[in-house]
Every structure is written in structure tokens, then in C-alpha cells.
């Protein structure tokens, strides 16, 4: 254990770790967040997303840390758009691992080593926080957030294919630069759904993603998210990404037994429902009872279709990549491997 710890410390000393912080109405908390970021981080990107409170100039006036670089978006792009500005700057500056935290004080910068360790060890391309890991911490979470995150987690599991993950909207993340560079940043969501969209994109390159247990601090921060609008946005995005992922993974890039199970299952279920619906409607209108044979013609395809779709779902939930993308693609900058 001591040898692993010593090796990690040596690797960390030669690894360019950057932190990206979207800044929008965070003047009350941002100085505390910046002060808590330890020396293992080489560069800190603060993105003023056309903040009406002038977060960028506020940081420039009060922070003397030379690692801090303030970037400005000419117009408000949203939380995702601000993060993407920081991501691009980090890639241009040759950073190896990019961590993203929010500027509202909910995310403890002391956890940064826990987020980058799986990447340094070659266990993951991308790590993200999970506030649901400890049941005692869950009790402190506002009820609306608890219910909302549970629903969004299921939607994101469907759309991303990462069935083992939870808390998909958690913005505390770390990513290897090799995996990030392989993603179409311009196509990623500019809003609060960046993390969900990012998971979908990571799945398309076969990236390994890992949860990191964490505790969120809920204080007097103000949320800029409209819950109702966010729900419909997340639902639409995840639904679109689900169909795109299925097409990419099971029909465009590969065609296997699971592809046949999905195709045949959907067709049989659709046939059974349509045929049964037509016969049921005709029976009501004519008053003539349908025969047992007709019932079986409708019921059997439905039963078989559901079974085939369940078999496909079982395959999909087990479809996890074991080796990180940055290792498979040869984008290794550290000596640990």
C-alpha cells in the first residue's frame, strides 16, 4: 500500500492537473473554493459566463494565485458552455487530467486527489461524484433534489449505457485529456445537462467511467436551474441519446445477438399489440367474441417480444469496457504504466 501511495505521489508531481470552474453569480463562495485548491493542481481556469455580478473581475482583483486564469464568455452559454470553454483552454495548454468543480462551495476541493487517483492508476478515463453512496449523507439532501436525481439517474442509465453509475447530474468530475480530446466538444450540451450528455459521448468511444463517493455541502447557495424546464430538457436529451446510442452500438458499429434480440423483440411486441388491438376493437364494435386462436396469435408475440427485450436489456447492462480509452489509444503521458 505504501509503495502504491509513493508511486502515486511521484506521478502526481509530474502530471499536469487542471481545475475548471464555471463562474456565474458565485462571488459569495468563489474565493473560498479557490483558496481550498491544493498545490497538486497546476492550473485553475475560472470562466466568467457573462456573469451579471462580474465574477471574473472580482476574482482578478482578489486572487493573487498565479495558477488562476480567468476566461470570459462574451455571452451567457450556460453551465455546460462555460465548462467547455475551460476544457478547450486546458487541452490547448497541454493539461493531462482536467477536474471540474462548481464555484458555489458545494464541492470540496480536498476531494480532488480521490477523483484523479483512478485515472492515474489506469482504472478509468472519467470519474464523477456520487452523493448517494453514503446513506447518512442522503438524509441531508433536499427532498426535491433526491427525487429529481433518482429519476434523472434512470434516464441517464438508459441513454448512456453506464448502468453501474448513479447521480449523473453531479458536476464534480475528472477526465483524462486523451478521452476528452476524442469527444466532439462543440456537440456537447451547453446547459445543466452537460454531464448526462458527456456520459453518452464517453460511451460511444468505450471510455471507462467510475463513481467517486462524496458529500455535498448544501448551504446558502442559489440554484440557477428552473426545475420544470430542466426536467423536460433532460427527458428530451436522454431520449434522443438513447436512440442514438442503440443505433451506434448495436447496428452501425456492431451487429450481434443482442441486436437481433432487440430487433425481433420490438417487432414481435409491436405486431402483438397492433393485432390484438385491432381484434379487440372489432370485437367490441361487432359484439362477436374473438376465438382463443386469435387471442394466442396476439398474446404469444407479446410474450416472446417482452422476453427478447429483457434479454437485450440484460446484455446491455453487462456491456462494460474494462480498459480505459486513453490506454487503448496509446495516449499515455505518465510513467505509471
Protein backbone atom coordinates (compact mmCIF):
# COMPACT_ATOMS: atom_id res chain seq x y z
CA UNK A 1 0.00 0.00 0.00
CA UNK A 2 2.82 2.37 0.90
CA UNK A 3 4.55 1.67 -2.43
CA UNK A 4 1.37 2.48 -4.35
CA UNK A 5 0.95 5.71 -2.38
CA UNK A 6 4.56 6.74 -3.04
CA UNK A 7 4.21 5.94 -6.73
CA UNK A 8 1.03 7.97 -6.96
CA UNK A 9 2.69 10.94 -5.29
CA UNK A 10 5.57 10.81 -7.77
CA UNK A 11 3.19 10.53 -10.69
CA UNK A 12 1.07 13.38 -9.38
CA UNK A 13 4.13 15.60 -9.19
CA UNK A 14 4.78 15.12 -12.92
CA UNK A 15 1.15 15.16 -14.08
CA UNK A 16 -0.47 18.39 -15.23
CA UNK A 17 -3.75 18.57 -13.33
CA UNK A 18 -6.11 21.42 -14.12
CA UNK A 19 -9.35 22.56 -12.49
CA UNK A 20 -12.19 24.16 -14.46
CA UNK A 21 -14.67 26.32 -12.53
CA UNK A 22 -17.73 27.83 -14.29
CA UNK A 23 -18.48 31.14 -12.57
CA UNK A 24 -21.97 32.62 -12.60
CA UNK A 25 -23.23 34.51 -9.55
CA UNK A 26 -20.70 32.84 -7.24
CA UNK A 27 -18.96 35.88 -5.71
CA UNK A 28 -20.05 34.83 -2.22
CA UNK A 29 -18.26 31.45 -2.41
CA UNK A 30 -15.61 31.52 -5.14
CA UNK A 31 -12.73 32.89 -3.04
CA UNK A 32 -13.15 30.09 -0.50
CA UNK A 33 -13.25 27.48 -3.28
CA UNK A 34 -10.04 28.80 -4.87
CA UNK A 35 -8.24 29.01 -1.54
CA UNK A 36 -9.03 25.34 -0.82
CA UNK A 37 -7.41 24.02 -4.04
CA UNK A 38 -4.08 22.45 -3.07
CA UNK A 39 -0.73 22.61 -4.83
CA UNK A 40 -1.18 19.33 -6.75
CA UNK A 41 -3.23 21.37 -9.23
CA UNK A 42 -1.07 23.14 -11.83
CA UNK A 43 -3.69 25.39 -13.46
CA UNK A 44 -7.10 26.77 -12.46
CA UNK A 45 -9.48 28.08 -15.12
CA UNK A 46 -12.29 30.34 -13.88
CA UNK A 47 -14.85 31.03 -16.59
CA UNK A 48 -16.95 34.18 -16.27
CA UNK A 49 -20.03 33.15 -18.21
CA UNK A 50 -21.19 36.72 -18.89
CA UNK A 51 -21.90 36.93 -15.17
CA UNK A 52 -24.02 39.99 -14.23
CA UNK A 53 -22.10 40.21 -10.92
CA UNK A 54 -18.74 40.43 -12.68
CA UNK A 55 -17.30 37.24 -11.18
CA UNK A 56 -14.23 37.32 -13.43
CA UNK A 57 -13.12 40.83 -12.48
CA UNK A 58 -13.89 40.06 -8.84
CA UNK A 59 -11.53 37.07 -8.97
CA UNK A 60 -8.82 39.11 -10.72
CA UNK A 61 -8.98 41.79 -8.02
CA UNK A 62 -8.90 39.48 -5.02
CA UNK A 63 -6.87 36.42 -6.07
CA UNK A 64 -3.07 36.56 -6.47
CA UNK A 65 -2.59 32.84 -7.12
CA UNK A 66 -0.59 32.60 -10.38
CA UNK A 67 -2.26 29.30 -11.23
CA UNK A 68 -5.59 31.08 -11.71
CA UNK A 69 -6.52 32.08 -15.24
CA UNK A 70 -9.78 33.95 -15.80
CA UNK A 71 -11.60 33.35 -19.09
CA UNK A 72 -14.61 35.31 -20.34
CA UNK A 73 -17.58 34.21 -22.43
CA UNK A 74 -18.94 37.16 -24.41
CA UNK A 75 -22.48 35.88 -23.89
CA UNK A 76 -24.01 33.54 -21.36
CA UNK A 77 -23.67 29.96 -22.66
CA UNK A 78 -24.89 28.12 -19.58
CA UNK A 79 -23.09 25.89 -17.10
CA UNK A 80 -22.09 23.40 -19.80
CA UNK A 81 -20.92 26.09 -22.20
CA UNK A 82 -18.73 27.66 -19.51
CA UNK A 83 -17.19 24.27 -18.68
CA UNK A 84 -16.47 23.63 -22.36
CA UNK A 85 -14.58 26.94 -22.56
CA UNK A 86 -12.39 25.75 -19.69
CA UNK A 87 -11.96 22.30 -21.25
CA UNK A 88 -10.72 23.81 -24.52
CA UNK A 89 -8.23 26.02 -22.70
CA UNK A 90 -6.92 23.08 -20.67
CA UNK A 91 -6.41 20.96 -23.80
CA UNK A 92 -4.63 23.82 -25.55
CA UNK A 93 -2.30 24.23 -22.56
CA UNK A 94 -1.39 20.53 -22.55
CA UNK A 95 -3.06 19.51 -19.30
CA UNK A 96 -3.20 15.75 -18.59
CA UNK A 97 -6.21 15.49 -16.24
CA UNK A 98 -8.99 18.08 -16.04
CA UNK A 99 -11.18 18.32 -12.95
CA UNK A 100 -14.43 20.29 -12.96
CA UNK A 101 -15.95 21.76 -9.82
CA UNK A 102 -18.65 24.36 -9.29
CA UNK A 103 -17.92 27.72 -7.76
CA UNK A 104 -20.79 27.72 -5.27
CA UNK A 105 -18.95 25.88 -2.47
CA UNK A 106 -20.93 22.62 -2.66
CA UNK A 107 -17.92 20.62 -3.84
CA UNK A 108 -14.96 20.18 -1.51
CA UNK A 109 -11.65 20.73 -3.41
CA UNK A 110 -9.95 18.49 -0.84
CA UNK A 111 -11.50 15.53 -2.73
CA UNK A 112 -9.57 16.26 -5.93
CA UNK A 113 -6.93 13.52 -5.25
CA UNK A 114 -9.73 10.94 -4.91
CA UNK A 115 -11.09 11.93 -8.32
CA UNK A 116 -7.79 11.79 -10.17
CA UNK A 117 -6.40 8.65 -8.50
CA UNK A 118 -8.41 6.11 -10.60
CA UNK A 119 -7.20 7.90 -13.74
CA UNK A 120 -3.57 7.90 -12.58
CA UNK A 121 -3.84 4.19 -11.81
CA UNK A 122 -5.21 3.46 -15.28
CA UNK A 123 -8.57 2.31 -13.93
CA UNK A 124 -10.75 4.97 -15.55
CA UNK A 125 -10.96 7.68 -18.20
CA UNK A 126 -13.57 9.67 -16.31
CA UNK A 127 -14.61 9.91 -12.67
CA UNK A 128 -17.67 11.59 -11.24
CA UNK A 129 -19.08 12.25 -7.81
CA UNK A 130 -21.83 10.18 -6.24
CA UNK A 131 -23.69 11.89 -3.38
CA UNK A 132 -25.89 8.81 -2.82
CA UNK A 133 -23.15 6.41 -1.77
CA UNK A 134 -23.43 7.12 1.97
CA UNK A 135 -26.98 6.77 3.30
CA UNK A 136 -26.35 9.26 6.10
CA UNK A 137 -25.42 11.91 3.53
CA UNK A 138 -28.57 11.17 1.52
CA UNK A 139 -30.69 12.14 4.53
CA UNK A 140 -29.28 15.68 4.34
CA UNK A 141 -30.15 16.10 0.67
CA UNK A 142 -33.22 18.30 -0.08
CA UNK A 143 -36.18 16.08 -0.93
CA UNK A 144 -36.80 17.62 -4.35
CA UNK A 145 -33.18 17.02 -5.35
CA UNK A 146 -33.39 13.45 -4.07
CA UNK A 147 -36.47 12.63 -6.15
CA UNK A 148 -35.21 14.51 -9.21
CA UNK A 149 -31.80 12.84 -9.15
CA UNK A 150 -33.33 9.37 -8.81
CA UNK A 151 -35.45 9.93 -11.92
CA UNK A 152 -32.64 11.51 -13.91
CA UNK A 153 -30.28 8.71 -12.90
CA UNK A 154 -32.54 6.11 -14.50
CA UNK A 155 -32.95 8.17 -17.68
CA UNK A 156 -29.19 8.64 -17.95
CA UNK A 157 -28.54 4.93 -17.39
CA UNK A 158 -30.74 4.26 -20.42
CA UNK A 159 -29.19 6.93 -22.62
CA UNK A 160 -25.54 6.44 -21.65
CA UNK A 161 -25.34 2.67 -21.12
CA UNK A 162 -23.44 3.14 -17.84
CA UNK A 163 -25.86 1.14 -15.71
CA UNK A 164 -23.49 0.94 -12.74
CA UNK A 165 -23.43 4.72 -12.20
CA UNK A 166 -25.67 6.94 -10.11
CA UNK A 167 -26.11 10.68 -9.56
CA UNK A 168 -25.46 11.51 -13.25
CA UNK A 169 -26.05 15.25 -12.90
CA UNK A 170 -23.22 15.59 -10.39
CA UNK A 171 -20.86 18.24 -11.74
CA UNK A 172 -17.81 17.17 -9.74
CA UNK A 173 -15.83 15.28 -12.39
CA UNK A 174 -12.34 14.47 -13.64
CA UNK A 175 -11.35 13.34 -17.12
CA UNK A 176 -8.17 12.26 -18.87
CA UNK A 177 -7.18 14.70 -21.63
CA UNK A 178 -6.90 11.84 -24.13
CA UNK A 179 -10.54 10.87 -23.64
CA UNK A 180 -11.71 14.50 -23.64
CA UNK A 181 -9.87 15.24 -26.89
CA UNK A 182 -11.70 12.33 -28.54
CA UNK A 183 -15.10 13.89 -27.85
CA UNK A 184 -16.90 16.42 -30.10
CA UNK A 185 -16.93 19.27 -27.57
CA UNK A 186 -18.97 21.54 -29.83
CA UNK A 187 -21.81 18.99 -29.84
CA UNK A 188 -22.00 18.65 -26.05
CA UNK A 189 -24.86 20.31 -24.21
CA UNK A 190 -24.32 23.89 -23.05
CA UNK A 191 -26.78 23.63 -20.17
CA UNK A 192 -27.05 21.76 -16.87
CA UNK A 193 -27.29 18.50 -18.82
CA UNK A 194 -23.60 18.59 -19.78
CA UNK A 195 -22.73 15.64 -17.51
CA UNK A 196 -25.53 13.43 -18.87
CA UNK A 197 -24.57 14.28 -22.44
CA UNK A 198 -20.90 13.73 -21.62
CA UNK A 199 -21.63 10.21 -20.36
CA UNK A 200 -23.41 9.36 -23.61
CA UNK A 201 -20.45 10.62 -25.65
CA UNK A 202 -17.97 8.73 -23.47
CA UNK A 203 -19.91 5.51 -24.08
CA UNK A 204 -19.55 5.96 -27.85
CA UNK A 205 -15.75 5.76 -27.52
CA UNK A 206 -15.86 2.93 -24.98
CA UNK A 207 -14.50 5.01 -22.11
CA UNK A 208 -14.33 3.61 -18.57
CA UNK A 209 -16.28 5.67 -16.04
CA UNK A 210 -16.12 5.32 -12.26
CA UNK A 211 -18.14 6.81 -9.39
CA UNK A 212 -16.38 8.55 -6.50
CA UNK A 213 -18.27 8.73 -3.17
CA UNK A 214 -18.62 12.30 -1.93
CA UNK A 215 -20.66 14.51 0.32
CA UNK A 216 -22.23 17.70 -0.96
CA UNK A 217 -22.45 20.82 1.17
CA UNK A 218 -25.87 22.45 0.99
CA UNK A 219 -25.66 25.97 2.32
CA UNK A 220 -27.00 29.34 1.20
CA UNK A 221 -26.04 28.95 -2.46
CA UNK A 222 -28.68 29.92 -5.05
CA UNK A 223 -29.55 27.50 -7.81
CA UNK A 224 -29.89 28.92 -11.31
CA UNK A 225 -31.85 25.88 -12.53
CA UNK A 226 -35.57 26.00 -13.34
CA UNK A 227 -36.75 22.56 -12.16
CA UNK A 228 -39.72 22.26 -14.53
CA UNK A 229 -37.85 23.38 -17.62
CA UNK A 230 -34.82 21.27 -16.67
CA UNK A 231 -36.95 18.11 -16.39
CA UNK A 232 -38.32 18.36 -19.93
CA UNK A 233 -34.87 19.28 -21.27
CA UNK A 234 -33.23 16.29 -19.55
CA UNK A 235 -36.03 13.96 -20.68
CA UNK A 236 -35.76 15.05 -24.32
CA UNK A 237 -31.96 14.89 -24.36
CA UNK A 238 -31.80 11.44 -22.75
CA UNK A 239 -34.48 10.04 -25.05
CA UNK A 240 -32.60 11.29 -28.11
CA UNK A 241 -29.27 9.99 -26.81
CA UNK A 242 -30.81 6.58 -26.01
CA UNK A 243 -31.88 6.00 -29.61
CA UNK A 244 -28.56 7.34 -30.92
CA UNK A 245 -26.58 5.02 -28.60
CA UNK A 246 -28.62 1.97 -29.59
CA UNK A 247 -28.15 2.74 -33.29
CA UNK A 248 -24.40 3.43 -32.93
CA UNK A 249 -23.56 0.45 -30.71
CA UNK A 250 -25.90 -2.24 -31.99
CA UNK A 251 -26.46 -1.50 -35.67
CA UNK A 252 -23.81 0.87 -37.03
CA UNK A 253 -20.61 -0.29 -35.28
CA UNK A 254 -21.67 -3.84 -34.47
CA UNK A 255 -24.45 -6.32 -35.13
CA UNK A 256 -24.62 -9.23 -32.71
CA UNK A 257 -27.05 -11.49 -30.88
CA UNK A 258 -28.26 -8.57 -28.74
CA UNK A 259 -29.02 -6.62 -31.92
CA UNK A 260 -31.23 -9.48 -33.13
CA UNK A 261 -32.92 -9.75 -29.73
CA UNK A 262 -33.74 -6.04 -29.80
CA UNK A 263 -34.96 -6.08 -33.40
CA UNK A 264 -37.04 -9.23 -33.16
CA UNK A 265 -38.35 -8.34 -29.71
CA UNK A 266 -39.54 -4.91 -30.85
CA UNK A 267 -41.17 -6.30 -34.00
CA UNK A 268 -42.95 -9.14 -32.18
CA UNK A 269 -44.18 -6.86 -29.41
CA UNK A 270 -45.39 -4.27 -31.93
CA UNK A 271 -47.17 -6.93 -34.03
CA UNK A 272 -48.87 -8.46 -30.97
CA UNK A 273 -50.08 -5.09 -29.69
CA UNK A 274 -51.37 -3.92 -33.08
CA UNK A 275 -53.03 -7.24 -33.99
CA UNK A 276 -54.53 -7.62 -30.53
CA UNK A 277 -55.73 -4.03 -30.51
CA UNK A 278 -57.46 -4.39 -33.87
CA UNK A 279 -59.19 -7.66 -32.90
CA UNK A 280 -60.23 -6.26 -29.52
CA UNK A 281 -61.70 -3.13 -31.17
CA UNK A 282 -63.56 -5.19 -33.78
CA UNK A 283 -64.93 -7.48 -31.07
CA UNK A 284 -66.34 -4.54 -29.11
CA UNK A 285 -67.93 -2.98 -32.20
CA UNK A 286 -69.42 -6.22 -33.56
CA UNK A 287 -70.26 -7.90 -30.26
CA UNK A 288 -68.62 -11.13 -31.51
CA UNK A 289 -66.22 -12.79 -29.07
CA UNK A 290 -62.76 -13.43 -30.50
CA UNK A 291 -61.60 -17.02 -30.71
CA UNK A 292 -58.91 -18.47 -28.45
CA UNK A 293 -56.69 -18.85 -31.52
CA UNK A 294 -56.85 -15.12 -32.20
CA UNK A 295 -56.01 -14.42 -28.57
CA UNK A 296 -52.94 -16.63 -28.82
CA UNK A 297 -51.85 -15.00 -32.10
CA UNK A 298 -51.78 -11.70 -30.23
CA UNK A 299 -50.50 -12.91 -26.85
CA UNK A 300 -47.67 -15.15 -28.00
CA UNK A 301 -45.76 -12.43 -29.94
CA UNK A 302 -46.19 -10.07 -26.98
CA UNK A 303 -44.79 -12.63 -24.54
CA UNK A 304 -41.89 -13.54 -26.82
CA UNK A 305 -41.23 -9.88 -27.61
CA UNK A 306 -41.01 -8.93 -23.94
CA UNK A 307 -38.70 -11.88 -23.24
CA UNK A 308 -36.37 -10.92 -26.09
CA UNK A 309 -36.29 -7.27 -24.99
CA UNK A 310 -35.48 -8.34 -21.42
CA UNK A 311 -32.65 -10.50 -22.77
CA UNK A 312 -31.34 -7.50 -24.71
CA UNK A 313 -31.54 -5.32 -21.61
CA UNK A 314 -29.59 -7.92 -19.62
CA UNK A 315 -26.85 -7.86 -22.27
CA UNK A 316 -26.83 -4.05 -22.36
CA UNK A 317 -26.42 -3.73 -18.59
CA UNK A 318 -23.36 -6.01 -18.70
CA UNK A 319 -21.68 -4.26 -21.62
CA UNK A 320 -18.84 -2.54 -19.74
CA UNK A 321 -15.38 -1.74 -21.10
CA UNK A 322 -12.52 -2.95 -18.88
CA UNK A 323 -9.64 -0.91 -20.29
CA UNK A 324 -9.68 2.92 -20.37
CA UNK A 325 -9.79 4.61 -23.75
CA UNK A 326 -6.61 6.60 -23.17
CA UNK A 327 -4.68 3.35 -22.60
CA UNK A 328 -6.18 1.62 -25.65
CA UNK A 329 -5.47 4.64 -27.85
CA UNK A 330 -1.87 4.94 -26.66
CA UNK A 331 -2.33 8.43 -25.20
CA UNK A 332 -0.21 7.81 -22.11
CA UNK A 333 1.90 10.60 -20.64
CA UNK A 334 2.67 9.12 -17.25
CA UNK A 335 5.33 6.55 -16.37
CA UNK A 336 3.00 4.58 -14.09
CA UNK A 337 2.08 2.18 -16.91
